[in-house]
Amino acid sequence: MAEVRLQEGETLENALRRFKRKVQQEDIIKEVKRHSFYLKPGEKKRVKQALARKRNRKKSRREVE
């Protein structure tokens, strides 16, 4: 769980920025989205394969450039 303590003399905006960065590094948002609905095992497999295809296409495009 991400926690940020307000340091002395620090503005609230800076603390909020640090908190957002910490949440992003810990992949909390991604985890919440993943658990927000149930995927059947077959659907989960299809999604995983689609993401792999997308990554491979992106990687091959970068190699061409």
Protein backbone atom coordinates (compact mmCIF):
# COMPACT_ATOMS: atom_id res chain seq x y z
CA MET A 1 0.00 0.00 0.00
CA ALA A 2 1.43 3.35 -1.04
CA GLU A 3 1.95 5.87 1.72
CA VAL A 4 3.52 9.31 1.57
CA ARG A 5 4.18 11.48 4.59
CA LEU A 6 4.17 15.24 4.17
CA GLN A 7 7.69 16.50 4.75
CA GLU A 8 8.33 19.75 6.56
CA GLY A 9 8.06 22.72 4.23
CA GLU A 10 6.71 20.55 1.36
CA THR A 11 3.68 21.71 -0.56
CA LEU A 12 0.64 19.50 -0.88
CA GLU A 13 1.06 19.44 -4.66
CA ASN A 14 4.57 17.98 -4.37
CA ALA A 15 3.40 15.34 -1.90
CA LEU A 16 0.53 14.43 -4.22
CA ARG A 17 2.96 14.16 -7.14
CA ARG A 18 5.19 11.81 -5.07
CA PHE A 19 2.14 9.74 -4.11
CA LYS A 20 1.00 9.38 -7.73
CA ARG A 21 4.51 8.31 -8.77
CA LYS A 22 4.66 5.75 -5.97
CA VAL A 23 1.24 4.31 -6.89
CA GLN A 24 2.34 4.04 -10.51
CA GLN A 25 5.61 2.29 -9.59
CA GLU A 26 3.79 -0.25 -7.43
CA ASP A 27 1.28 -1.01 -10.24
CA ILE A 28 -1.64 -0.54 -7.87
CA ILE A 29 -3.94 0.86 -10.58
CA LYS A 30 -3.16 -2.01 -12.96
CA GLU A 31 -3.87 -4.55 -10.20
CA VAL A 32 -7.22 -2.93 -9.33
CA LYS A 33 -8.28 -2.91 -12.97
CA ARG A 34 -7.27 -6.56 -13.35
CA HIS A 35 -9.41 -7.59 -10.36
CA SER A 36 -12.40 -5.38 -11.19
CA PHE A 37 -14.08 -8.10 -13.27
CA TYR A 38 -13.75 -11.84 -13.78
CA LEU A 39 -12.28 -13.26 -16.96
CA LYS A 40 -12.83 -16.88 -17.86
CA PRO A 41 -9.56 -18.79 -18.32
CA GLY A 42 -10.06 -18.96 -22.09
CA GLU A 43 -10.71 -15.23 -22.33
CA LYS A 44 -7.68 -14.50 -20.17
CA LYS A 45 -5.55 -16.63 -22.52
CA ARG A 46 -6.88 -14.77 -25.59
CA VAL A 47 -6.16 -11.38 -23.99
CA LYS A 48 -2.65 -12.49 -23.06
CA GLN A 49 -1.96 -13.73 -26.61
CA ALA A 50 -3.34 -10.50 -28.10
CA LEU A 51 -1.02 -8.44 -25.90
CA ALA A 52 1.92 -10.62 -26.94
CA ARG A 53 1.07 -10.11 -30.63
CA LYS A 54 0.81 -6.36 -30.05
CA ARG A 55 4.22 -6.28 -28.32
CA ASN A 56 5.82 -8.31 -31.11
CA ARG A 57 4.39 -6.02 -33.82
CA LYS A 58 5.64 -2.98 -31.93
CA LYS A 59 9.07 -4.57 -31.47
CA SER A 60 9.37 -5.47 -35.16
CA ARG A 61 8.39 -1.93 -36.19
CA ARG A 62 11.13 -0.50 -33.98
CA GLU A 63 13.71 -2.84 -35.50
CA VAL A 64 12.79 -1.71 -39.02
CA GLU A 65 13.34 1.97 -38.20
